[in-house]
Every structure is written in C-alpha cells, then in structure tokens.
Amino acid sequence: MKNTVKVERAKKNFTQQDLAERIKVSRQTINSIESGKYVPSTVLALKIAKTFETSLEEIFQLEENDWE
C-alpha cells in the first residue's frame, strides 16, 4: 500500500512529531507508515485522514501487489 502522509504533513506544516501527538502514536510509527514499513490499522488510518481533513482514499492507495 502506498500513501501520501508525508505530502499531507507538508501541506499542513506538521512534523512527524506533530502528527504523532495529534493521533496519539509515536513519531516512529509515523515514520514507519511514511516509509511503507507499516500498514496502519483502519482506526489509525481514519484518524490520519480526519486530521488532514480528507478522505482515506486520498491518503492510502492499494498497489497491484496488494491484491496477491
């Protein structure tokens, strides 16, 4: 799964720490999501989308290999 969390953070001028504090996770979790090492839970993904005031689909997109 790919995501645009880093891009959305930049639009809001949020650091990884800022976002982490808003959704109550560690900065390392945000880093792992942005780098594609960690796929967030549905609840966490929804919190991220709500924080950025956008839809889940605008931030998280399935890739071809996610269907396998």
PDB file of N, CA and C in Angstrom:
ATOM      1  N   MET A   1       0.846  -1.166   0.000  1.00  0.00           N
ATOM      2  CA  MET A   1       0.000   0.000   0.000  1.00  0.00           C
ATOM      3  C   MET A   1       0.896   1.234   0.000  1.00  0.00           C
ATOM      4  N   LYS A   2       0.558   2.169  -0.857  1.00  0.00           N
ATOM      5  CA  LYS A   2       1.313   3.422  -0.837  1.00  0.00           C
ATOM      6  C   LYS A   2       0.472   4.487  -0.148  1.00  0.00           C
ATOM      7  N   ASN A   3       1.142   5.553   0.276  1.00  0.00           N
ATOM      8  CA  ASN A   3       0.412   6.611   0.965  1.00  0.00           C
ATOM      9  C   ASN A   3       1.054   7.964   0.709  1.00  0.00           C
ATOM     10  N   THR A   4       0.281   8.995   1.000  1.00  0.00           N
ATOM     11  CA  THR A   4       0.744  10.377   0.815  1.00  0.00           C
ATOM     12  C   THR A   4       0.823  11.120   2.148  1.00  0.00           C
ATOM     13  N   VAL A   5       1.079  10.390   3.216  1.00  0.00           N
ATOM     14  CA  VAL A   5       1.124  11.004   4.548  1.00  0.00           C
ATOM     15  C   VAL A   5       2.181  12.115   4.592  1.00  0.00           C
ATOM     16  N   LYS A   6       3.349  11.848   4.053  1.00  0.00           N
ATOM     17  CA  LYS A   6       4.420  12.853   4.092  1.00  0.00           C
ATOM     18  C   LYS A   6       4.004  14.120   3.341  1.00  0.00           C
ATOM     19  N   VAL A   7       3.364  13.952   2.198  1.00  0.00           N
ATOM     20  CA  VAL A   7       2.896  15.099   1.403  1.00  0.00           C
ATOM     21  C   VAL A   7       1.833  15.876   2.170  1.00  0.00           C
ATOM     22  N   GLU A   8       0.884  15.154   2.746  1.00  0.00           N
ATOM     23  CA  GLU A   8      -0.179  15.815   3.516  1.00  0.00           C
ATOM     24  C   GLU A   8       0.387  16.544   4.739  1.00  0.00           C
ATOM     25  N   ARG A   9       1.392  15.952   5.366  1.00  0.00           N
ATOM     26  CA  ARG A   9       2.034  16.620   6.510  1.00  0.00           C
ATOM     27  C   ARG A   9       2.665  17.933   6.070  1.00  0.00           C
ATOM     28  N   ALA A  10       3.328  17.895   4.922  1.00  0.00           N
ATOM     29  CA  ALA A  10       3.992  19.100   4.414  1.00  0.00           C
ATOM     30  C   ALA A  10       2.977  20.209   4.123  1.00  0.00           C
ATOM     31  N   LYS A  11       1.826  19.832   3.588  1.00  0.00           N
ATOM     32  CA  LYS A  11       0.779  20.826   3.305  1.00  0.00           C
ATOM     33  C   LYS A  11       0.325  21.539   4.570  1.00  0.00           C
ATOM     34  N   LYS A  12       0.304  20.808   5.686  1.00  0.00           N
ATOM     35  CA  LYS A  12      -0.150  21.369   6.965  1.00  0.00           C
ATOM     36  C   LYS A  12       1.014  21.905   7.813  1.00  0.00           C
ATOM     37  N   ASN A  13       2.232  21.767   7.287  1.00  0.00           N
ATOM     38  CA  ASN A  13       3.428  22.157   8.042  1.00  0.00           C
ATOM     39  C   ASN A  13       3.536  21.411   9.370  1.00  0.00           C
ATOM     40  N   PHE A  14       3.173  20.126   9.361  1.00  0.00           N
ATOM     41  CA  PHE A  14       3.294  19.276  10.540  1.00  0.00           C
ATOM     42  C   PHE A  14       4.611  18.518  10.470  1.00  0.00           C
ATOM     43  N   THR A  15       5.270  18.391  11.603  1.00  0.00           N
ATOM     44  CA  THR A  15       6.391  17.461  11.694  1.00  0.00           C
ATOM     45  C   THR A  15       5.811  16.072  11.961  1.00  0.00           C
ATOM     46  N   GLN A  16       6.659  15.059  11.878  1.00  0.00           N
ATOM     47  CA  GLN A  16       6.196  13.718  12.249  1.00  0.00           C
ATOM     48  C   GLN A  16       5.720  13.719  13.696  1.00  0.00           C
ATOM     49  N   GLN A  17       6.422  14.431  14.548  1.00  0.00           N
ATOM     50  CA  GLN A  17       6.042  14.501  15.963  1.00  0.00           C
ATOM     51  C   GLN A  17       4.693  15.185  16.137  1.00  0.00           C
ATOM     52  N   ASP A  18       4.442  16.261  15.387  1.00  0.00           N
ATOM     53  CA  ASP A  18       3.151  16.949  15.467  1.00  0.00           C
ATOM     54  C   ASP A  18       2.003  15.997  15.151  1.00  0.00           C
ATOM     55  N   LEU A  19       2.148  15.268  14.049  1.00  0.00           N
ATOM     56  CA  LEU A  19       1.098  14.334  13.646  1.00  0.00           C
ATOM     57  C   LEU A  19       0.941  13.222  14.680  1.00  0.00           C
ATOM     58  N   ALA A  20       2.062  12.702  15.137  1.00  0.00           N
ATOM     59  CA  ALA A  20       2.027  11.627  16.137  1.00  0.00           C
ATOM     60  C   ALA A  20       1.263  12.057  17.385  1.00  0.00           C
ATOM     61  N   GLU A  21       1.521  13.246  17.857  1.00  0.00           N
ATOM     62  CA  GLU A  21       0.847  13.743  19.056  1.00  0.00           C
ATOM     63  C   GLU A  21      -0.646  13.916  18.818  1.00  0.00           C
ATOM     64  N   ARG A  22      -1.020  14.372  17.632  1.00  0.00           N
ATOM     65  CA  ARG A  22      -2.438  14.585  17.322  1.00  0.00           C
ATOM     66  C   ARG A  22      -3.232  13.282  17.289  1.00  0.00           C
ATOM     67  N   ILE A  23      -2.593  12.208  16.822  1.00  0.00           N
ATOM     68  CA  ILE A  23      -3.328  10.936  16.713  1.00  0.00           C
ATOM     69  C   ILE A  23      -2.901   9.916  17.770  1.00  0.00           C
ATOM     70  N   LYS A  24      -2.051  10.374  18.683  1.00  0.00           N
ATOM     71  CA  LYS A  24      -1.663   9.580  19.857  1.00  0.00           C
ATOM     72  C   LYS A  24      -0.916   8.285  19.509  1.00  0.00           C
ATOM     73  N   VAL A  25       0.122   8.435  18.687  1.00  0.00           N
ATOM     74  CA  VAL A  25       1.054   7.345  18.389  1.00  0.00           C
ATOM     75  C   VAL A  25       2.464   7.898  18.516  1.00  0.00           C
ATOM     76  N   SER A  26       3.458   7.051  18.351  1.00  0.00           N
ATOM     77  CA  SER A  26       4.836   7.528  18.424  1.00  0.00           C
ATOM     78  C   SER A  26       5.284   8.130  17.091  1.00  0.00           C
ATOM     79  N   ARG A  27       6.298   8.954  17.143  1.00  0.00           N
ATOM     80  CA  ARG A  27       6.871   9.511  15.921  1.00  0.00           C
ATOM     81  C   ARG A  27       7.399   8.394  15.036  1.00  0.00           C
ATOM     82  N   GLN A  28       7.920   7.346  15.650  1.00  0.00           N
ATOM     83  CA  GLN A  28       8.445   6.211  14.906  1.00  0.00           C
ATOM     84  C   GLN A  28       7.337   5.516  14.101  1.00  0.00           C
ATOM     85  N   THR A  29       6.131   5.496  14.648  1.00  0.00           N
ATOM     86  CA  THR A  29       5.002   4.911  13.916  1.00  0.00           C
ATOM     87  C   THR A  29       4.729   5.715  12.651  1.00  0.00           C
ATOM     88  N   ILE A  30       4.738   7.030  12.760  1.00  0.00           N
ATOM     89  CA  ILE A  30       4.522   7.887  11.584  1.00  0.00           C
ATOM     90  C   ILE A  30       5.623   7.647  10.561  1.00  0.00           C
ATOM     91  N   ASN A  31       6.852   7.565  11.031  1.00  0.00           N
ATOM     92  CA  ASN A  31       7.976   7.304  10.130  1.00  0.00           C
ATOM     93  C   ASN A  31       7.796   5.971   9.408  1.00  0.00           C
ATOM     94  N   SER A  32       7.390   4.946  10.125  1.00  0.00           N
ATOM     95  CA  SER A  32       7.190   3.622   9.533  1.00  0.00           C
ATOM     96  C   SER A  32       6.048   3.613   8.515  1.00  0.00           C
ATOM     97  N   ILE A  33       4.991   4.353   8.786  1.00  0.00           N
ATOM     98  CA  ILE A  33       3.882   4.452   7.835  1.00  0.00           C
ATOM     99  C   ILE A  33       4.360   5.158   6.566  1.00  0.00           C
ATOM    100  N   GLU A  34       5.033   6.280   6.738  1.00  0.00           N
ATOM    101  CA  GLU A  34       5.508   7.046   5.584  1.00  0.00           C
ATOM    102  C   GLU A  34       6.478   6.255   4.714  1.00  0.00           C
ATOM    103  N   SER A  35       7.303   5.453   5.333  1.00  0.00           N
ATOM    104  CA  SER A  35       8.293   4.691   4.576  1.00  0.00           C
ATOM    105  C   SER A  35       7.738   3.378   4.022  1.00  0.00           C
ATOM    106  N   GLY A  36       6.479   3.073   4.339  1.00  0.00           N
ATOM    107  CA  GLY A  36       5.844   1.867   3.819  1.00  0.00           C
ATOM    108  C   GLY A  36       6.203   0.597   4.553  1.00  0.00           C
ATOM    109  N   LYS A  37       6.842   0.736   5.708  1.00  0.00           N
ATOM    110  CA  LYS A  37       7.221  -0.434   6.503  1.00  0.00           C
ATOM    111  C   LYS A  37       6.066  -0.934   7.368  1.00  0.00           C
ATOM    112  N   TYR A  38       5.086  -0.077   7.576  1.00  0.00           N
ATOM    113  CA  TYR A  38       3.966  -0.415   8.457  1.00  0.00           C
ATOM    114  C   TYR A  38       2.670   0.042   7.801  1.00  0.00           C
ATOM    115  N   VAL A  39       1.692  -0.849   7.743  1.00  0.00           N
ATOM    116  CA  VAL A  39       0.359  -0.516   7.250  1.00  0.00           C
ATOM    117  C   VAL A  39      -0.510  -0.266   8.472  1.00  0.00           C
ATOM    118  N   PRO A  40      -1.068   0.935   8.590  1.00  0.00           N
ATOM    119  CA  PRO A  40      -1.842   1.252   9.794  1.00  0.00           C
ATOM    120  C   PRO A  40      -3.157   0.491   9.864  1.00  0.00           C
ATOM    121  N   SER A  41      -3.646   0.368  11.069  1.00  0.00           N
ATOM    122  CA  SER A  41      -4.975  -0.216  11.280  1.00  0.00           C
ATOM    123  C   SER A  41      -6.014   0.712  10.650  1.00  0.00           C
ATOM    124  N   THR A  42      -7.206   0.200  10.504  1.00  0.00           N
ATOM    125  CA  THR A  42      -8.297   1.018   9.961  1.00  0.00           C
ATOM    126  C   THR A  42      -8.539   2.241  10.837  1.00  0.00           C
ATOM    127  N   VAL A  43      -8.549   2.047  12.139  1.00  0.00           N
ATOM    128  CA  VAL A  43      -8.789   3.158  13.063  1.00  0.00           C
ATOM    129  C   VAL A  43      -7.696   4.219  12.916  1.00  0.00           C
ATOM    130  N   LEU A  44      -6.449   3.793  12.870  1.00  0.00           N
ATOM    131  CA  LEU A  44      -5.346   4.737  12.741  1.00  0.00           C
ATOM    132  C   LEU A  44      -5.397   5.460  11.395  1.00  0.00           C
ATOM    133  N   ALA A  45      -5.698   4.737  10.332  1.00  0.00           N
ATOM    134  CA  ALA A  45      -5.801   5.359   9.008  1.00  0.00           C
ATOM    135  C   ALA A  45      -6.923   6.396   8.982  1.00  0.00           C
ATOM    136  N   LEU A  46      -8.039   6.085   9.623  1.00  0.00           N
ATOM    137  CA  LEU A  46      -9.144   7.043   9.688  1.00  0.00           C
ATOM    138  C   LEU A  46      -8.778   8.282  10.497  1.00  0.00           C
ATOM    139  N   LYS A  47      -8.022   8.097  11.582  1.00  0.00           N
ATOM    140  CA  LYS A  47      -7.562   9.240  12.377  1.00  0.00           C
ATOM    141  C   LYS A  47      -6.656  10.144  11.545  1.00  0.00           C
ATOM    142  N   ILE A  48      -5.778   9.536  10.754  1.00  0.00           N
ATOM    143  CA  ILE A  48      -4.877  10.312   9.900  1.00  0.00           C
ATOM    144  C   ILE A  48      -5.687  11.107   8.879  1.00  0.00           C
ATOM    145  N   ALA A  49      -6.637  10.453   8.220  1.00  0.00           N
ATOM    146  CA  ALA A  49      -7.465  11.130   7.221  1.00  0.00           C
ATOM    147  C   ALA A  49      -8.252  12.279   7.850  1.00  0.00           C
ATOM    148  N   LYS A  50      -8.813  12.026   9.014  1.00  0.00           N
ATOM    149  CA  LYS A  50      -9.589  13.077   9.692  1.00  0.00           C
ATOM    150  C   LYS A  50      -8.693  14.255  10.075  1.00  0.00           C
ATOM    151  N   THR A  51      -7.491  13.972  10.536  1.00  0.00           N
ATOM    152  CA  THR A  51      -6.550  15.029  10.908  1.00  0.00           C
ATOM    153  C   THR A  51      -6.220  15.909   9.704  1.00  0.00           C
ATOM    154  N   PHE A  52      -6.096  15.284   8.536  1.00  0.00           N
ATOM    155  CA  PHE A  52      -5.785  16.035   7.318  1.00  0.00           C
ATOM    156  C   PHE A  52      -7.029  16.543   6.597  1.00  0.00           C
ATOM    157  N   GLU A  53      -8.202  16.269   7.179  1.00  0.00           N
ATOM    158  CA  GLU A  53      -9.482  16.730   6.611  1.00  0.00           C
ATOM    159  C   GLU A  53      -9.645  16.288   5.166  1.00  0.00           C
ATOM    160  N   THR A  54      -9.387  15.015   4.926  1.00  0.00           N
ATOM    161  CA  THR A  54      -9.525  14.445   3.592  1.00  0.00           C
ATOM    162  C   THR A  54     -10.016  13.010   3.707  1.00  0.00           C
ATOM    163  N   SER A  55     -10.233  12.379   2.572  1.00  0.00           N
ATOM    164  CA  SER A  55     -10.738  11.007   2.586  1.00  0.00           C
ATOM    165  C   SER A  55      -9.595  10.006   2.753  1.00  0.00           C
ATOM    166  N   LEU A  56      -9.949   8.852   3.226  1.00  0.00           N
ATOM    167  CA  LEU A  56      -8.997   7.763   3.387  1.00  0.00           C
ATOM    168  C   LEU A  56      -8.331   7.435   2.052  1.00  0.00           C
ATOM    169  N   GLU A  57      -9.129   7.407   0.991  1.00  0.00           N
ATOM    170  CA  GLU A  57      -8.620   7.057  -0.335  1.00  0.00           C
ATOM    171  C   GLU A  57      -7.646   8.092  -0.896  1.00  0.00           C
ATOM    172  N   GLU A  58      -7.729   9.315  -0.433  1.00  0.00           N
ATOM    173  CA  GLU A  58      -6.781  10.343  -0.875  1.00  0.00           C
ATOM    174  C   GLU A  58      -5.398  10.109  -0.268  1.00  0.00           C
ATOM    175  N   ILE A  59      -5.337   9.447   0.856  1.00  0.00           N
ATOM    176  CA  ILE A  59      -4.071   9.237   1.547  1.00  0.00           C
ATOM    177  C   ILE A  59      -3.498   7.842   1.315  1.00  0.00           C
ATOM    178  N   PHE A  60      -4.360   6.841   1.307  1.00  0.00           N
ATOM    179  CA  PHE A  60      -3.899   5.456   1.168  1.00  0.00           C
ATOM    180  C   PHE A  60      -4.436   4.839  -0.114  1.00  0.00           C
ATOM    181  N   GLN A  61      -3.529   4.257  -0.921  1.00  0.00           N
ATOM    182  CA  GLN A  61      -3.915   3.628  -2.171  1.00  0.00           C
ATOM    183  C   GLN A  61      -3.333   2.223  -2.244  1.00  0.00           C
ATOM    184  N   LEU A  62      -4.178   1.283  -2.669  1.00  0.00           N
ATOM    185  CA  LEU A  62      -3.699  -0.070  -2.881  1.00  0.00           C
ATOM    186  C   LEU A  62      -2.795  -0.116  -4.102  1.00  0.00           C
ATOM    187  N   GLU A  63      -1.782  -0.984  -4.044  1.00  0.00           N
ATOM    188  CA  GLU A  63      -0.911  -1.205  -5.190  1.00  0.00           C
ATOM    189  C   GLU A  63      -1.245  -2.568  -5.785  1.00  0.00           C
ATOM    190  N   GLU A  64      -0.773  -2.824  -6.983  1.00  0.00           N
ATOM    191  CA  GLU A  64      -1.080  -4.060  -7.680  1.00  0.00           C
ATOM    192  C   GLU A  64      -0.743  -5.295  -6.835  1.00  0.00           C
ATOM    193  N   ASN A  65       0.414  -5.302  -6.190  1.00  0.00           N
ATOM    194  CA  ASN A  65       0.808  -6.481  -5.409  1.00  0.00           C
ATOM    195  C   ASN A  65      -0.004  -6.655  -4.119  1.00  0.00           C
ATOM    196  N   ASP A  66      -0.814  -5.678  -3.744  1.00  0.00           N
ATOM    197  CA  ASP A  66      -1.682  -5.816  -2.572  1.00  0.00           C
ATOM    198  C   ASP A  66      -2.837  -6.777  -2.846  1.00  0.00           C
ATOM    199  N   TRP A  67      -3.091  -7.092  -4.093  1.00  0.00           N
ATOM    200  CA  TRP A  67      -4.168  -7.993  -4.474  1.00  0.00           C
ATOM    201  C   TRP A  67      -3.742  -9.446  -4.465  1.00  0.00           C
ATOM    202  N   GLU A  68      -2.474  -9.699  -4.314  1.00  0.00           N
ATOM    203  CA  GLU A  68      -1.949 -11.076  -4.379  1.00  0.00           C
ATOM    204  C   GLU A  68      -2.024 -11.776  -3.048  1.00  0.00           C
TER     205      GLU A  68
END
